[in-house]
Amino acid sequence: MTGNDILSRVLNLLGYLNSWNTRTDNENLLKRAPDIINQICFDLKIPNITKLSDEIEATDKSLDALCYGTAMIMALVEGDGDKNKIFADIYNAKRAAALSCKDVIRDTLPKSDYGS
């Protein structure tokens, strides 16, 4: 998934696309999109992007959380408090799921070089 894919999904979630599924004319918001995405990437421990065409290497859970976190910040930037609260709640839940780490731990006896 690229930064453009994230941006398109976020604009769709926020309802900032018109009826032809094209972006609104808010150039200022679109210019800041990579920085907004990178803020959430940092929070989710995902490598940053330099431009929207960059591929984002992350798990599906992290990419999902990235979309909702980006929507949360974009709503805040746009002064849309109601949407910001909704996306903040969703992002926090998805962030917790994305950052939870489940590993398999095997029972093993420790090896020692002592006495060899």
N, C-alpha and C. Protein backbone atom coordinates (compact mmCIF):
# COMPACT_ATOMS: atom_id res chain seq x y z
N MET A 1 0.85 -1.16 0.00
CA MET A 1 0.00 0.00 0.00
C MET A 1 0.91 1.24 0.00
N THR A 2 0.57 2.20 -0.83
CA THR A 2 1.37 3.42 -0.93
C THR A 2 0.73 4.55 -0.11
N GLY A 3 1.45 5.63 0.00
CA GLY A 3 0.90 6.80 0.68
C GLY A 3 -0.34 7.33 -0.03
N ASN A 4 -0.36 7.24 -1.37
CA ASN A 4 -1.55 7.66 -2.12
C ASN A 4 -2.76 6.78 -1.79
N ASP A 5 -2.52 5.47 -1.62
CA ASP A 5 -3.61 4.57 -1.24
C ASP A 5 -4.17 4.94 0.13
N ILE A 6 -3.26 5.24 1.06
CA ILE A 6 -3.68 5.65 2.41
C ILE A 6 -4.49 6.94 2.31
N LEU A 7 -3.98 7.91 1.57
CA LEU A 7 -4.67 9.20 1.44
C LEU A 7 -6.06 9.03 0.83
N SER A 8 -6.17 8.23 -0.20
CA SER A 8 -7.48 8.02 -0.83
C SER A 8 -8.46 7.38 0.14
N ARG A 9 -7.98 6.40 0.89
CA ARG A 9 -8.86 5.74 1.86
C ARG A 9 -9.28 6.72 2.96
N VAL A 10 -8.34 7.53 3.42
CA VAL A 10 -8.63 8.51 4.47
C VAL A 10 -9.64 9.54 4.00
N LEU A 11 -9.44 10.07 2.80
CA LEU A 11 -10.38 11.06 2.27
C LEU A 11 -11.77 10.45 2.11
N ASN A 12 -11.82 9.18 1.75
CA ASN A 12 -13.10 8.50 1.63
C ASN A 12 -13.74 8.32 3.01
N LEU A 13 -12.94 7.91 4.01
CA LEU A 13 -13.46 7.75 5.37
C LEU A 13 -14.02 9.06 5.91
N LEU A 14 -13.32 10.14 5.64
CA LEU A 14 -13.73 11.45 6.15
C LEU A 14 -14.87 12.07 5.35
N GLY A 15 -15.15 11.53 4.16
CA GLY A 15 -16.18 12.11 3.32
C GLY A 15 -15.71 13.35 2.59
N TYR A 16 -14.39 13.46 2.39
CA TYR A 16 -13.83 14.63 1.72
C TYR A 16 -13.69 14.41 0.22
N LEU A 17 -14.32 13.38 -0.32
CA LEU A 17 -14.34 13.15 -1.76
C LEU A 17 -15.69 13.59 -2.29
N ASN A 18 -15.70 14.12 -3.50
CA ASN A 18 -16.99 14.51 -4.06
C ASN A 18 -17.68 13.30 -4.69
N SER A 19 -18.79 13.50 -5.33
CA SER A 19 -19.58 12.38 -5.85
C SER A 19 -18.89 11.63 -6.98
N TRP A 20 -17.83 12.23 -7.57
CA TRP A 20 -17.09 11.56 -8.63
C TRP A 20 -15.83 10.88 -8.09
N ASN A 21 -15.73 10.78 -6.77
CA ASN A 21 -14.58 10.18 -6.10
C ASN A 21 -13.26 10.86 -6.44
N THR A 22 -13.32 12.16 -6.61
CA THR A 22 -12.09 12.94 -6.78
C THR A 22 -11.88 13.78 -5.53
N ARG A 23 -10.64 14.15 -5.30
CA ARG A 23 -10.30 14.89 -4.09
C ARG A 23 -10.91 16.28 -4.10
N THR A 24 -11.13 16.76 -2.89
CA THR A 24 -11.60 18.13 -2.76
C THR A 24 -10.47 19.09 -3.11
N ASP A 25 -10.76 20.35 -3.16
CA ASP A 25 -9.78 21.34 -3.58
C ASP A 25 -8.91 21.87 -2.44
N ASN A 26 -8.82 21.17 -1.36
CA ASN A 26 -8.02 21.64 -0.24
C ASN A 26 -6.56 21.30 -0.47
N GLU A 27 -5.87 22.14 -1.23
CA GLU A 27 -4.47 21.90 -1.59
C GLU A 27 -3.57 21.89 -0.36
N ASN A 28 -3.88 22.74 0.62
CA ASN A 28 -3.06 22.83 1.82
C ASN A 28 -3.05 21.49 2.57
N LEU A 29 -4.19 20.87 2.69
CA LEU A 29 -4.30 19.58 3.36
C LEU A 29 -3.55 18.50 2.58
N LEU A 30 -3.65 18.53 1.27
CA LEU A 30 -2.99 17.53 0.44
C LEU A 30 -1.47 17.69 0.47
N LYS A 31 -0.98 18.93 0.58
CA LYS A 31 0.46 19.15 0.68
C LYS A 31 1.02 18.62 1.99
N ARG A 32 0.22 18.69 3.04
CA ARG A 32 0.68 18.23 4.36
C ARG A 32 0.44 16.75 4.58
N ALA A 33 -0.20 16.08 3.64
CA ALA A 33 -0.55 14.66 3.82
C ALA A 33 0.64 13.77 4.17
N PRO A 34 1.80 13.88 3.49
CA PRO A 34 2.92 13.01 3.88
C PRO A 34 3.37 13.23 5.32
N ASP A 35 3.37 14.49 5.77
CA ASP A 35 3.76 14.76 7.15
C ASP A 35 2.76 14.18 8.14
N ILE A 36 1.48 14.28 7.82
CA ILE A 36 0.45 13.73 8.70
C ILE A 36 0.57 12.21 8.76
N ILE A 37 0.78 11.58 7.61
CA ILE A 37 0.94 10.13 7.56
C ILE A 37 2.17 9.72 8.37
N ASN A 38 3.26 10.48 8.25
CA ASN A 38 4.49 10.16 8.97
C ASN A 38 4.34 10.29 10.49
N GLN A 39 3.48 11.19 10.95
CA GLN A 39 3.23 11.30 12.39
C GLN A 39 2.66 10.00 12.93
N ILE A 40 1.74 9.42 12.20
CA ILE A 40 1.14 8.17 12.64
C ILE A 40 2.09 7.00 12.41
N CYS A 41 2.87 7.05 11.32
CA CYS A 41 3.88 6.01 11.10
C CYS A 41 4.84 5.94 12.28
N PHE A 42 5.27 7.10 12.78
CA PHE A 42 6.18 7.14 13.92
C PHE A 42 5.53 6.50 15.14
N ASP A 43 4.27 6.82 15.37
CA ASP A 43 3.55 6.27 16.52
C ASP A 43 3.39 4.76 16.42
N LEU A 44 3.21 4.25 15.21
CA LEU A 44 3.01 2.81 15.00
C LEU A 44 4.32 2.07 14.74
N LYS A 45 5.43 2.79 14.79
CA LYS A 45 6.76 2.20 14.55
C LYS A 45 6.87 1.61 13.14
N ILE A 46 6.36 2.38 12.17
CA ILE A 46 6.43 2.03 10.75
C ILE A 46 7.43 2.99 10.11
N PRO A 47 8.23 2.53 9.14
CA PRO A 47 9.16 3.45 8.47
C PRO A 47 8.42 4.60 7.78
N ASN A 48 9.00 5.79 7.85
CA ASN A 48 8.40 6.99 7.25
C ASN A 48 8.43 6.93 5.73
N ILE A 49 7.61 7.78 5.11
CA ILE A 49 7.62 7.94 3.67
C ILE A 49 8.16 9.33 3.35
N THR A 50 8.72 9.50 2.17
CA THR A 50 9.19 10.82 1.76
C THR A 50 8.22 11.47 0.78
N LYS A 51 7.50 10.63 0.04
CA LYS A 51 6.49 11.14 -0.88
C LYS A 51 5.33 10.15 -0.92
N LEU A 52 4.20 10.60 -1.40
CA LEU A 52 2.99 9.78 -1.37
C LEU A 52 3.07 8.53 -2.25
N SER A 53 3.97 8.50 -3.19
CA SER A 53 4.09 7.32 -4.05
C SER A 53 4.93 6.22 -3.41
N ASP A 54 5.54 6.49 -2.24
CA ASP A 54 6.35 5.48 -1.55
C ASP A 54 5.48 4.35 -1.03
N GLU A 55 6.03 3.15 -1.11
CA GLU A 55 5.36 1.96 -0.57
C GLU A 55 5.55 1.93 0.95
N ILE A 56 4.49 1.60 1.67
CA ILE A 56 4.55 1.52 3.13
C ILE A 56 4.61 0.05 3.51
N GLU A 57 5.71 -0.33 4.14
CA GLU A 57 5.90 -1.73 4.55
C GLU A 57 5.41 -1.89 5.98
N ALA A 58 4.28 -2.57 6.13
CA ALA A 58 3.70 -2.80 7.45
C ALA A 58 2.69 -3.92 7.37
N THR A 59 2.28 -4.41 8.54
CA THR A 59 1.27 -5.45 8.59
C THR A 59 -0.09 -4.86 8.23
N ASP A 60 -1.04 -5.73 7.92
CA ASP A 60 -2.38 -5.26 7.59
C ASP A 60 -3.01 -4.51 8.76
N LYS A 61 -2.78 -4.99 10.00
CA LYS A 61 -3.32 -4.31 11.17
C LYS A 61 -2.73 -2.91 11.31
N SER A 62 -1.44 -2.79 11.06
CA SER A 62 -0.78 -1.48 11.17
C SER A 62 -1.26 -0.53 10.08
N LEU A 63 -1.44 -1.04 8.86
CA LEU A 63 -1.94 -0.19 7.77
C LEU A 63 -3.36 0.29 8.05
N ASP A 64 -4.18 -0.59 8.62
CA ASP A 64 -5.54 -0.21 8.98
C ASP A 64 -5.52 0.88 10.05
N ALA A 65 -4.68 0.70 11.06
CA ALA A 65 -4.55 1.71 12.11
C ALA A 65 -4.01 3.02 11.53
N LEU A 66 -3.08 2.91 10.58
CA LEU A 66 -2.51 4.09 9.94
C LEU A 66 -3.59 4.92 9.26
N CYS A 67 -4.52 4.27 8.60
CA CYS A 67 -5.61 4.99 7.93
C CYS A 67 -6.46 5.77 8.93
N TYR A 68 -6.83 5.12 10.02
CA TYR A 68 -7.69 5.77 10.99
C TYR A 68 -6.95 6.86 11.77
N GLY A 69 -5.66 6.66 12.03
CA GLY A 69 -4.88 7.69 12.70
C GLY A 69 -4.70 8.92 11.82
N THR A 70 -4.46 8.68 10.53
CA THR A 70 -4.32 9.79 9.60
C THR A 70 -5.65 10.54 9.48
N ALA A 71 -6.75 9.82 9.45
CA ALA A 71 -8.07 10.46 9.40
C ALA A 71 -8.29 11.29 10.66
N MET A 72 -7.85 10.78 11.81
CA MET A 72 -8.00 11.50 13.07
C MET A 72 -7.28 12.85 13.00
N ILE A 73 -6.04 12.85 12.52
CA ILE A 73 -5.28 14.10 12.47
C ILE A 73 -5.83 15.04 11.40
N MET A 74 -6.23 14.49 10.25
CA MET A 74 -6.78 15.36 9.20
C MET A 74 -8.07 16.03 9.66
N ALA A 75 -8.90 15.29 10.39
CA ALA A 75 -10.13 15.89 10.92
C ALA A 75 -9.79 17.00 11.91
N LEU A 76 -8.76 16.79 12.71
CA LEU A 76 -8.33 17.81 13.66
C LEU A 76 -7.83 19.06 12.93
N VAL A 77 -7.02 18.86 11.89
CA VAL A 77 -6.48 19.97 11.10
C VAL A 77 -7.61 20.76 10.44
N GLU A 78 -8.64 20.05 10.01
CA GLU A 78 -9.77 20.70 9.34
C GLU A 78 -10.76 21.33 10.32
N GLY A 79 -10.54 21.13 11.62
CA GLY A 79 -11.44 21.70 12.62
C GLY A 79 -12.74 20.94 12.75
N ASP A 80 -12.73 19.68 12.35
CA ASP A 80 -13.93 18.84 12.40
C ASP A 80 -13.88 18.00 13.69
N GLY A 81 -14.30 18.60 14.80
CA GLY A 81 -14.18 17.99 16.11
C GLY A 81 -14.95 16.69 16.28
N ASP A 82 -16.14 16.61 15.70
CA ASP A 82 -16.94 15.40 15.85
C ASP A 82 -16.26 14.20 15.18
N LYS A 83 -15.79 14.40 13.95
CA LYS A 83 -15.10 13.31 13.26
C LYS A 83 -13.78 12.98 13.94
N ASN A 84 -13.10 14.01 14.46
CA ASN A 84 -11.84 13.78 15.16
C ASN A 84 -12.04 12.86 16.35
N LYS A 85 -13.07 13.08 17.13
CA LYS A 85 -13.34 12.24 18.30
C LYS A 85 -13.64 10.80 17.89
N ILE A 86 -14.45 10.65 16.87
CA ILE A 86 -14.80 9.30 16.40
C ILE A 86 -13.55 8.56 15.93
N PHE A 87 -12.75 9.22 15.10
CA PHE A 87 -11.56 8.56 14.57
C PHE A 87 -10.48 8.37 15.64
N ALA A 88 -10.45 9.23 16.64
CA ALA A 88 -9.50 9.04 17.74
C ALA A 88 -9.83 7.77 18.51
N ASP A 89 -11.10 7.56 18.78
CA ASP A 89 -11.52 6.34 19.49
C ASP A 89 -11.20 5.09 18.68
N ILE A 90 -11.51 5.13 17.40
CA ILE A 90 -11.24 3.98 16.54
C ILE A 90 -9.74 3.74 16.42
N TYR A 91 -8.97 4.83 16.23
CA TYR A 91 -7.52 4.70 16.09
C TYR A 91 -6.89 4.09 17.34
N ASN A 92 -7.30 4.54 18.50
CA ASN A 92 -6.72 4.01 19.73
C ASN A 92 -6.96 2.51 19.87
N ALA A 93 -8.12 2.04 19.49
CA ALA A 93 -8.41 0.61 19.54
C ALA A 93 -7.56 -0.15 18.51
N LYS A 94 -7.49 0.37 17.30
CA LYS A 94 -6.72 -0.30 16.24
C LYS A 94 -5.22 -0.22 16.51
N ARG A 95 -4.77 0.86 17.13
CA ARG A 95 -3.36 1.01 17.50
C ARG A 95 -2.96 -0.05 18.52
N ALA A 96 -3.82 -0.25 19.51
CA ALA A 96 -3.53 -1.27 20.53
C ALA A 96 -3.43 -2.65 19.90
N ALA A 97 -4.31 -2.94 18.97
CA ALA A 97 -4.27 -4.24 18.29
C ALA A 97 -3.03 -4.37 17.42
N ALA A 98 -2.65 -3.30 16.74
CA ALA A 98 -1.50 -3.34 15.84
C ALA A 98 -0.19 -3.47 16.61
N LEU A 99 -0.12 -2.86 17.77
CA LEU A 99 1.13 -2.89 18.54
C LEU A 99 1.23 -4.08 19.48
N SER A 100 0.12 -4.82 19.64
CA SER A 100 0.20 -6.01 20.49
C SER A 100 1.02 -7.06 19.76
N CYS A 101 1.89 -7.68 20.48
CA CYS A 101 2.81 -8.64 19.86
C CYS A 101 2.60 -9.99 20.50
N LYS A 102 2.28 -10.96 19.69
CA LYS A 102 2.10 -12.32 20.18
C LYS A 102 3.22 -13.17 19.63
N ASP A 103 4.00 -13.74 20.50
CA ASP A 103 5.09 -14.61 20.10
C ASP A 103 4.90 -15.98 20.72
N VAL A 104 5.46 -16.97 20.09
CA VAL A 104 5.44 -18.32 20.63
C VAL A 104 6.73 -18.52 21.41
N ILE A 105 6.58 -18.90 22.65
CA ILE A 105 7.74 -19.16 23.50
C ILE A 105 7.80 -20.66 23.75
N ARG A 106 8.95 -21.24 23.41
CA ARG A 106 9.12 -22.68 23.61
C ARG A 106 9.75 -22.93 24.97
N ASP A 107 9.38 -24.06 25.55
CA ASP A 107 10.03 -24.50 26.78
C ASP A 107 11.35 -25.16 26.41
N THR A 108 12.42 -24.59 26.86
CA THR A 108 13.72 -25.18 26.60
C THR A 108 14.57 -25.08 27.86
N LEU A 109 15.48 -25.98 27.98
CA LEU A 109 16.43 -25.91 29.08
C LEU A 109 17.60 -25.04 28.64
N PRO A 110 18.09 -24.22 29.53
CA PRO A 110 19.22 -23.38 29.15
C PRO A 110 20.46 -24.23 28.92
N LYS A 111 21.25 -23.81 27.96
CA LYS A 111 22.51 -24.51 27.67
C LYS A 111 23.62 -23.78 28.40
N SER A 112 24.56 -24.55 28.88
CA SER A 112 25.66 -23.96 29.62
C SER A 112 26.98 -24.55 29.13
N ASP A 113 27.94 -23.69 28.99
CA ASP A 113 29.29 -24.15 28.63
C ASP A 113 30.10 -24.49 29.88
N TYR A 114 29.51 -24.24 31.02
CA TYR A 114 30.20 -24.47 32.28
C TYR A 114 30.41 -25.96 32.51
N GLY A 115 31.62 -26.33 32.83
CA GLY A 115 31.91 -27.73 33.15
C GLY A 115 32.18 -28.59 31.94
N SER A 116 32.36 -28.02 30.79
CA SER A 116 32.57 -28.83 29.59
C SER A 116 33.96 -29.34 29.49
